[in-house]
Amino acid sequence: MEQLLEILEDIQPDADYETCTTLIDDGFLSSFELLSLVSELEETYEIRITPVDLIPSNFNSAQAIYDLIQRLQK
């Protein structure tokens, strides 16, 4: 999780990733930032994020993103 938080901070330092559960819904992550995040996650965690995975519920919080990573690594 710590590595994920570092990635998120690099992409968008203005959000509170510890508590925010509306990163997509409230526009903390723009579409460009989301694409950057997906690319970084795929490279760092050696996973493949498909268009089916690109739904707000998978990216609305750091925990949701971490859960997605865990699912895709299995």
PDB file of N, CA and C in Angstrom:
ATOM      1  N   MET A   1       0.833  -1.200   0.000  1.00  0.00           N
ATOM      2  CA  MET A   1       0.000   0.000   0.000  1.00  0.00           C
ATOM      3  C   MET A   1       0.871   1.254   0.000  1.00  0.00           C
ATOM      4  N   GLU A   2       1.992   1.217   0.699  1.00  0.00           N
ATOM      5  CA  GLU A   2       2.866   2.391   0.776  1.00  0.00           C
ATOM      6  C   GLU A   2       3.369   2.805  -0.602  1.00  0.00           C
ATOM      7  N   GLN A   3       3.740   1.811  -1.407  1.00  0.00           N
ATOM      8  CA  GLN A   3       4.212   2.101  -2.760  1.00  0.00           C
ATOM      9  C   GLN A   3       3.095   2.714  -3.600  1.00  0.00           C
ATOM     10  N   LEU A   4       1.887   2.200  -3.439  1.00  0.00           N
ATOM     11  CA  LEU A   4       0.732   2.750  -4.156  1.00  0.00           C
ATOM     12  C   LEU A   4       0.497   4.201  -3.768  1.00  0.00           C
ATOM     13  N   LEU A   5       0.567   4.510  -2.489  1.00  0.00           N
ATOM     14  CA  LEU A   5       0.368   5.889  -2.039  1.00  0.00           C
ATOM     15  C   LEU A   5       1.417   6.820  -2.624  1.00  0.00           C
ATOM     16  N   GLU A   6       2.652   6.344  -2.757  1.00  0.00           N
ATOM     17  CA  GLU A   6       3.707   7.150  -3.379  1.00  0.00           C
ATOM     18  C   GLU A   6       3.387   7.428  -4.845  1.00  0.00           C
ATOM     19  N   ILE A   7       2.909   6.423  -5.552  1.00  0.00           N
ATOM     20  CA  ILE A   7       2.533   6.591  -6.963  1.00  0.00           C
ATOM     21  C   ILE A   7       1.407   7.617  -7.079  1.00  0.00           C
ATOM     22  N   LEU A   8       0.397   7.481  -6.240  1.00  0.00           N
ATOM     23  CA  LEU A   8      -0.725   8.414  -6.267  1.00  0.00           C
ATOM     24  C   LEU A   8      -0.281   9.840  -5.961  1.00  0.00           C
ATOM     25  N   GLU A   9       0.578  10.005  -4.976  1.00  0.00           N
ATOM     26  CA  GLU A   9       1.092  11.340  -4.618  1.00  0.00           C
ATOM     27  C   GLU A   9       1.866  11.969  -5.774  1.00  0.00           C
ATOM     28  N   ASP A  10       2.620  11.155  -6.509  1.00  0.00           N
ATOM     29  CA  ASP A  10       3.377  11.667  -7.655  1.00  0.00           C
ATOM     30  C   ASP A  10       2.443  12.141  -8.764  1.00  0.00           C
ATOM     31  N   ILE A  11       1.345  11.426  -8.957  1.00  0.00           N
ATOM     32  CA  ILE A  11       0.419  11.763 -10.037  1.00  0.00           C
ATOM     33  C   ILE A  11      -0.470  12.941  -9.669  1.00  0.00           C
ATOM     34  N   GLN A  12      -0.984  12.947  -8.438  1.00  0.00           N
ATOM     35  CA  GLN A  12      -1.876  14.029  -7.991  1.00  0.00           C
ATOM     36  C   GLN A  12      -1.633  14.269  -6.494  1.00  0.00           C
ATOM     37  N   PRO A  13      -0.761  15.225  -6.169  1.00  0.00           N
ATOM     38  CA  PRO A  13      -0.402  15.443  -4.763  1.00  0.00           C
ATOM     39  C   PRO A  13      -1.469  16.153  -3.919  1.00  0.00           C
ATOM     40  N   ASP A  14      -2.529  16.645  -4.522  1.00  0.00           N
ATOM     41  CA  ASP A  14      -3.506  17.448  -3.788  1.00  0.00           C
ATOM     42  C   ASP A  14      -4.607  16.652  -3.090  1.00  0.00           C
ATOM     43  N   ALA A  15      -4.684  15.366  -3.311  1.00  0.00           N
ATOM     44  CA  ALA A  15      -5.761  14.562  -2.713  1.00  0.00           C
ATOM     45  C   ALA A  15      -5.299  13.917  -1.410  1.00  0.00           C
ATOM     46  N   ASP A  16      -6.244  13.673  -0.531  1.00  0.00           N
ATOM     47  CA  ASP A  16      -5.971  12.965   0.725  1.00  0.00           C
ATOM     48  C   ASP A  16      -6.290  11.488   0.503  1.00  0.00           C
ATOM     49  N   TYR A  17      -5.289  10.739   0.114  1.00  0.00           N
ATOM     50  CA  TYR A  17      -5.493   9.343  -0.261  1.00  0.00           C
ATOM     51  C   TYR A  17      -5.776   8.435   0.931  1.00  0.00           C
ATOM     52  N   GLU A  18      -5.485   8.899   2.110  1.00  0.00           N
ATOM     53  CA  GLU A  18      -5.744   8.098   3.307  1.00  0.00           C
ATOM     54  C   GLU A  18      -7.243   8.013   3.619  1.00  0.00           C
ATOM     55  N   THR A  19      -7.988   9.065   3.293  1.00  0.00           N
ATOM     56  CA  THR A  19      -9.401   9.094   3.679  1.00  0.00           C
ATOM     57  C   THR A  19     -10.383   9.257   2.513  1.00  0.00           C
ATOM     58  N   CYS A  20      -9.945   9.758   1.391  1.00  0.00           N
ATOM     59  CA  CYS A  20     -10.855  10.046   0.283  1.00  0.00           C
ATOM     60  C   CYS A  20     -11.399   8.759  -0.348  1.00  0.00           C
ATOM     61  N   THR A  21     -12.702   8.725  -0.552  1.00  0.00           N
ATOM     62  CA  THR A  21     -13.347   7.576  -1.193  1.00  0.00           C
ATOM     63  C   THR A  21     -14.098   7.993  -2.457  1.00  0.00           C
ATOM     64  N   THR A  22     -13.775   9.188  -2.958  1.00  0.00           N
ATOM     65  CA  THR A  22     -14.446   9.705  -4.153  1.00  0.00           C
ATOM     66  C   THR A  22     -13.430  10.318  -5.126  1.00  0.00           C
ATOM     67  N   LEU A  23     -12.318   9.657  -5.317  1.00  0.00           N
ATOM     68  CA  LEU A  23     -11.256  10.202  -6.168  1.00  0.00           C
ATOM     69  C   LEU A  23     -11.743  10.461  -7.593  1.00  0.00           C
ATOM     70  N   ILE A  24     -12.523   9.549  -8.138  1.00  0.00           N
ATOM     71  CA  ILE A  24     -13.049   9.712  -9.496  1.00  0.00           C
ATOM     72  C   ILE A  24     -14.322  10.555  -9.465  1.00  0.00           C
ATOM     73  N   ASP A  25     -15.232  10.193  -8.579  1.00  0.00           N
ATOM     74  CA  ASP A  25     -16.535  10.871  -8.528  1.00  0.00           C
ATOM     75  C   ASP A  25     -16.412  12.376  -8.312  1.00  0.00           C
ATOM     76  N   ASP A  26     -15.445  12.801  -7.496  1.00  0.00           N
ATOM     77  CA  ASP A  26     -15.278  14.229  -7.216  1.00  0.00           C
ATOM     78  C   ASP A  26     -14.184  14.886  -8.049  1.00  0.00           C
ATOM     79  N   GLY A  27     -13.643  14.172  -9.018  1.00  0.00           N
ATOM     80  CA  GLY A  27     -12.692  14.755  -9.960  1.00  0.00           C
ATOM     81  C   GLY A  27     -11.285  14.968  -9.436  1.00  0.00           C
ATOM     82  N   PHE A  28     -10.916  14.303  -8.346  1.00  0.00           N
ATOM     83  CA  PHE A  28      -9.536  14.423  -7.864  1.00  0.00           C
ATOM     84  C   PHE A  28      -8.550  13.840  -8.871  1.00  0.00           C
ATOM     85  N   LEU A  29      -8.986  12.805  -9.592  1.00  0.00           N
ATOM     86  CA  LEU A  29      -8.172  12.213 -10.648  1.00  0.00           C
ATOM     87  C   LEU A  29      -8.848  12.475 -11.987  1.00  0.00           C
ATOM     88  N   SER A  30      -8.188  13.223 -12.844  1.00  0.00           N
ATOM     89  CA  SER A  30      -8.722  13.492 -14.180  1.00  0.00           C
ATOM     90  C   SER A  30      -8.520  12.256 -15.057  1.00  0.00           C
ATOM     91  N   SER A  31      -9.107  12.285 -16.227  1.00  0.00           N
ATOM     92  CA  SER A  31      -8.943  11.144 -17.138  1.00  0.00           C
ATOM     93  C   SER A  31      -7.477  10.977 -17.529  1.00  0.00           C
ATOM     94  N   PHE A  32      -6.774  12.065 -17.726  1.00  0.00           N
ATOM     95  CA  PHE A  32      -5.340  11.987 -18.051  1.00  0.00           C
ATOM     96  C   PHE A  32      -4.556  11.380 -16.893  1.00  0.00           C
ATOM     97  N   GLU A  33      -4.860  11.819 -15.674  1.00  0.00           N
ATOM     98  CA  GLU A  33      -4.171  11.282 -14.498  1.00  0.00           C
ATOM     99  C   GLU A  33      -4.504   9.807 -14.289  1.00  0.00           C
ATOM    100  N   LEU A  34      -5.737   9.434 -14.604  1.00  0.00           N
ATOM    101  CA  LEU A  34      -6.127   8.033 -14.480  1.00  0.00           C
ATOM    102  C   LEU A  34      -5.340   7.170 -15.460  1.00  0.00           C
ATOM    103  N   LEU A  35      -5.164   7.650 -16.678  1.00  0.00           N
ATOM    104  CA  LEU A  35      -4.367   6.906 -17.657  1.00  0.00           C
ATOM    105  C   LEU A  35      -2.912   6.781 -17.209  1.00  0.00           C
ATOM    106  N   SER A  36      -2.377   7.842 -16.652  1.00  0.00           N
ATOM    107  CA  SER A  36      -1.012   7.793 -16.117  1.00  0.00           C
ATOM    108  C   SER A  36      -0.924   6.798 -14.975  1.00  0.00           C
ATOM    109  N   LEU A  37      -1.926   6.800 -14.112  1.00  0.00           N
ATOM    110  CA  LEU A  37      -1.964   5.881 -12.983  1.00  0.00           C
ATOM    111  C   LEU A  37      -2.013   4.434 -13.463  1.00  0.00           C
ATOM    112  N   VAL A  38      -2.886   4.159 -14.413  1.00  0.00           N
ATOM    113  CA  VAL A  38      -3.015   2.794 -14.935  1.00  0.00           C
ATOM    114  C   VAL A  38      -1.682   2.323 -15.499  1.00  0.00           C
ATOM    115  N   SER A  39      -1.038   3.153 -16.272  1.00  0.00           N
ATOM    116  CA  SER A  39       0.259   2.800 -16.846  1.00  0.00           C
ATOM    117  C   SER A  39       1.286   2.504 -15.761  1.00  0.00           C
ATOM    118  N   GLU A  40       1.331   3.357 -14.772  1.00  0.00           N
ATOM    119  CA  GLU A  40       2.277   3.185 -13.662  1.00  0.00           C
ATOM    120  C   GLU A  40       1.976   1.919 -12.862  1.00  0.00           C
ATOM    121  N   LEU A  41       0.713   1.655 -12.611  1.00  0.00           N
ATOM    122  CA  LEU A  41       0.330   0.452 -11.867  1.00  0.00           C
ATOM    123  C   LEU A  41       0.698  -0.812 -12.638  1.00  0.00           C
ATOM    124  N   GLU A  42       0.440  -0.808 -13.938  1.00  0.00           N
ATOM    125  CA  GLU A  42       0.771  -1.978 -14.753  1.00  0.00           C
ATOM    126  C   GLU A  42       2.273  -2.259 -14.730  1.00  0.00           C
ATOM    127  N   GLU A  43       3.056  -1.216 -14.822  1.00  0.00           N
ATOM    128  CA  GLU A  43       4.510  -1.380 -14.824  1.00  0.00           C
ATOM    129  C   GLU A  43       5.028  -1.790 -13.449  1.00  0.00           C
ATOM    130  N   THR A  44       4.589  -1.119 -12.420  1.00  0.00           N
ATOM    131  CA  THR A  44       5.095  -1.361 -11.069  1.00  0.00           C
ATOM    132  C   THR A  44       4.683  -2.723 -10.532  1.00  0.00           C
ATOM    133  N   TYR A  45       3.432  -3.078 -10.721  1.00  0.00           N
ATOM    134  CA  TYR A  45       2.901  -4.304 -10.131  1.00  0.00           C
ATOM    135  C   TYR A  45       2.832  -5.480 -11.108  1.00  0.00           C
ATOM    136  N   GLU A  46       3.276  -5.251 -12.356  1.00  0.00           N
ATOM    137  CA  GLU A  46       3.275  -6.285 -13.391  1.00  0.00           C
ATOM    138  C   GLU A  46       1.891  -6.918 -13.541  1.00  0.00           C
ATOM    139  N   ILE A  47       0.910  -6.041 -13.738  1.00  0.00           N
ATOM    140  CA  ILE A  47      -0.467  -6.470 -13.931  1.00  0.00           C
ATOM    141  C   ILE A  47      -0.983  -5.897 -15.242  1.00  0.00           C
ATOM    142  N   ARG A  48      -2.130  -6.370 -15.665  1.00  0.00           N
ATOM    143  CA  ARG A  48      -2.791  -5.848 -16.867  1.00  0.00           C
ATOM    144  C   ARG A  48      -4.175  -5.364 -16.459  1.00  0.00           C
ATOM    145  N   ILE A  49      -4.406  -4.072 -16.620  1.00  0.00           N
ATOM    146  CA  ILE A  49      -5.700  -3.473 -16.311  1.00  0.00           C
ATOM    147  C   ILE A  49      -6.447  -3.316 -17.627  1.00  0.00           C
ATOM    148  N   THR A  50      -7.560  -4.008 -17.747  1.00  0.00           N
ATOM    149  CA  THR A  50      -8.338  -3.999 -18.980  1.00  0.00           C
ATOM    150  C   THR A  50      -9.427  -2.924 -18.913  1.00  0.00           C
ATOM    151  N   PRO A  51     -10.034  -2.602 -20.041  1.00  0.00           N
ATOM    152  CA  PRO A  51     -11.129  -1.630 -20.028  1.00  0.00           C
ATOM    153  C   PRO A  51     -12.264  -2.018 -19.074  1.00  0.00           C
ATOM    154  N   VAL A  52     -12.504  -3.298 -18.884  1.00  0.00           N
ATOM    155  CA  VAL A  52     -13.543  -3.762 -17.964  1.00  0.00           C
ATOM    156  C   VAL A  52     -13.241  -3.311 -16.533  1.00  0.00           C
ATOM    157  N   ASP A  53     -11.944  -3.193 -16.199  1.00  0.00           N
ATOM    158  CA  ASP A  53     -11.528  -2.793 -14.853  1.00  0.00           C
ATOM    159  C   ASP A  53     -11.627  -1.285 -14.634  1.00  0.00           C
ATOM    160  N   LEU A  54     -11.778  -0.524 -15.697  1.00  0.00           N
ATOM    161  CA  LEU A  54     -11.772   0.938 -15.606  1.00  0.00           C
ATOM    162  C   LEU A  54     -13.146   1.490 -15.233  1.00  0.00           C
ATOM    163  N   ILE A  55     -13.569   1.158 -14.042  1.00  0.00           N
ATOM    164  CA  ILE A  55     -14.832   1.669 -13.520  1.00  0.00           C
ATOM    165  C   ILE A  55     -14.536   2.472 -12.252  1.00  0.00           C
ATOM    166  N   PRO A  56     -15.334   3.489 -11.977  1.00  0.00           N
ATOM    167  CA  PRO A  56     -15.054   4.351 -10.824  1.00  0.00           C
ATOM    168  C   PRO A  56     -14.868   3.599  -9.510  1.00  0.00           C
ATOM    169  N   SER A  57     -15.647   2.569  -9.284  1.00  0.00           N
ATOM    170  CA  SER A  57     -15.544   1.865  -7.995  1.00  0.00           C
ATOM    171  C   SER A  57     -14.161   1.241  -7.775  1.00  0.00           C
ATOM    172  N   ASN A  58     -13.424   0.973  -8.843  1.00  0.00           N
ATOM    173  CA  ASN A  58     -12.067   0.431  -8.700  1.00  0.00           C
ATOM    174  C   ASN A  58     -11.024   1.509  -8.441  1.00  0.00           C
ATOM    175  N   PHE A  59     -11.386   2.772  -8.626  1.00  0.00           N
ATOM    176  CA  PHE A  59     -10.408   3.857  -8.521  1.00  0.00           C
ATOM    177  C   PHE A  59     -10.850   5.008  -7.612  1.00  0.00           C
ATOM    178  N   ASN A  60     -11.930   4.845  -6.869  1.00  0.00           N
ATOM    179  CA  ASN A  60     -12.434   5.928  -6.025  1.00  0.00           C
ATOM    180  C   ASN A  60     -11.662   6.108  -4.730  1.00  0.00           C
ATOM    181  N   SER A  61     -10.846   5.129  -4.354  1.00  0.00           N
ATOM    182  CA  SER A  61     -10.033   5.267  -3.141  1.00  0.00           C
ATOM    183  C   SER A  61      -8.744   4.482  -3.308  1.00  0.00           C
ATOM    184  N   ALA A  62      -7.770   4.821  -2.491  1.00  0.00           N
ATOM    185  CA  ALA A  62      -6.512   4.083  -2.516  1.00  0.00           C
ATOM    186  C   ALA A  62      -6.765   2.619  -2.169  1.00  0.00           C
ATOM    187  N   GLN A  63      -7.660   2.363  -1.222  1.00  0.00           N
ATOM    188  CA  GLN A  63      -7.965   0.980  -0.843  1.00  0.00           C
ATOM    189  C   GLN A  63      -8.587   0.216  -2.001  1.00  0.00           C
ATOM    190  N   ALA A  64      -9.491   0.854  -2.743  1.00  0.00           N
ATOM    191  CA  ALA A  64     -10.118   0.201  -3.895  1.00  0.00           C
ATOM    192  C   ALA A  64      -9.073  -0.124  -4.962  1.00  0.00           C
ATOM    193  N   ILE A  65      -8.145   0.797  -5.184  1.00  0.00           N
ATOM    194  CA  ILE A  65      -7.078   0.559  -6.157  1.00  0.00           C
ATOM    195  C   ILE A  65      -6.192  -0.584  -5.685  1.00  0.00           C
ATOM    196  N   TYR A  66      -5.873  -0.584  -4.403  1.00  0.00           N
ATOM    197  CA  TYR A  66      -5.046  -1.648  -3.840  1.00  0.00           C
ATOM    198  C   TYR A  66      -5.752  -3.003  -3.961  1.00  0.00           C
ATOM    199  N   ASP A  67      -7.045  -3.032  -3.705  1.00  0.00           N
ATOM    200  CA  ASP A  67      -7.820  -4.267  -3.848  1.00  0.00           C
ATOM    201  C   ASP A  67      -7.804  -4.753  -5.297  1.00  0.00           C
ATOM    202  N   LEU A  68      -7.918  -3.829  -6.243  1.00  0.00           N
ATOM    203  CA  LEU A  68      -7.844  -4.175  -7.665  1.00  0.00           C
ATOM    204  C   LEU A  68      -6.492  -4.799  -7.986  1.00  0.00           C
ATOM    205  N   ILE A  69      -5.437  -4.194  -7.507  1.00  0.00           N
ATOM    206  CA  ILE A  69      -4.084  -4.725  -7.732  1.00  0.00           C
ATOM    207  C   ILE A  69      -3.986  -6.149  -7.194  1.00  0.00           C
ATOM    208  N   GLN A  70      -4.472  -6.353  -5.985  1.00  0.00           N
ATOM    209  CA  GLN A  70      -4.420  -7.675  -5.360  1.00  0.00           C
ATOM    210  C   GLN A  70      -5.187  -8.703  -6.211  1.00  0.00           C
ATOM    211  N   ARG A  71      -6.368  -8.348  -6.687  1.00  0.00           N
ATOM    212  CA  ARG A  71      -7.159  -9.267  -7.520  1.00  0.00           C
ATOM    213  C   ARG A  71      -6.427  -9.612  -8.806  1.00  0.00           C
ATOM    214  N   LEU A  72      -5.825  -8.612  -9.423  1.00  0.00           N
ATOM    215  CA  LEU A  72      -5.176  -8.829 -10.719  1.00  0.00           C
ATOM    216  C   LEU A  72      -3.852  -9.574 -10.594  1.00  0.00           C
ATOM    217  N   GLN A  73      -3.254  -9.550  -9.444  1.00  0.00           N
ATOM    218  CA  GLN A  73      -2.008 -10.280  -9.248  1.00  0.00           C
ATOM    219  C   GLN A  73      -2.234 -11.773  -9.026  1.00  0.00           C
ATOM    220  N   LYS A  74      -3.455 -12.154  -8.750  1.00  0.00           N
ATOM    221  CA  LYS A  74      -3.750 -13.591  -8.494  1.00  0.00           C
ATOM    222  C   LYS A  74      -3.881 -14.356  -9.775  1.00  0.00           C
TER     223      LYS A  74
END
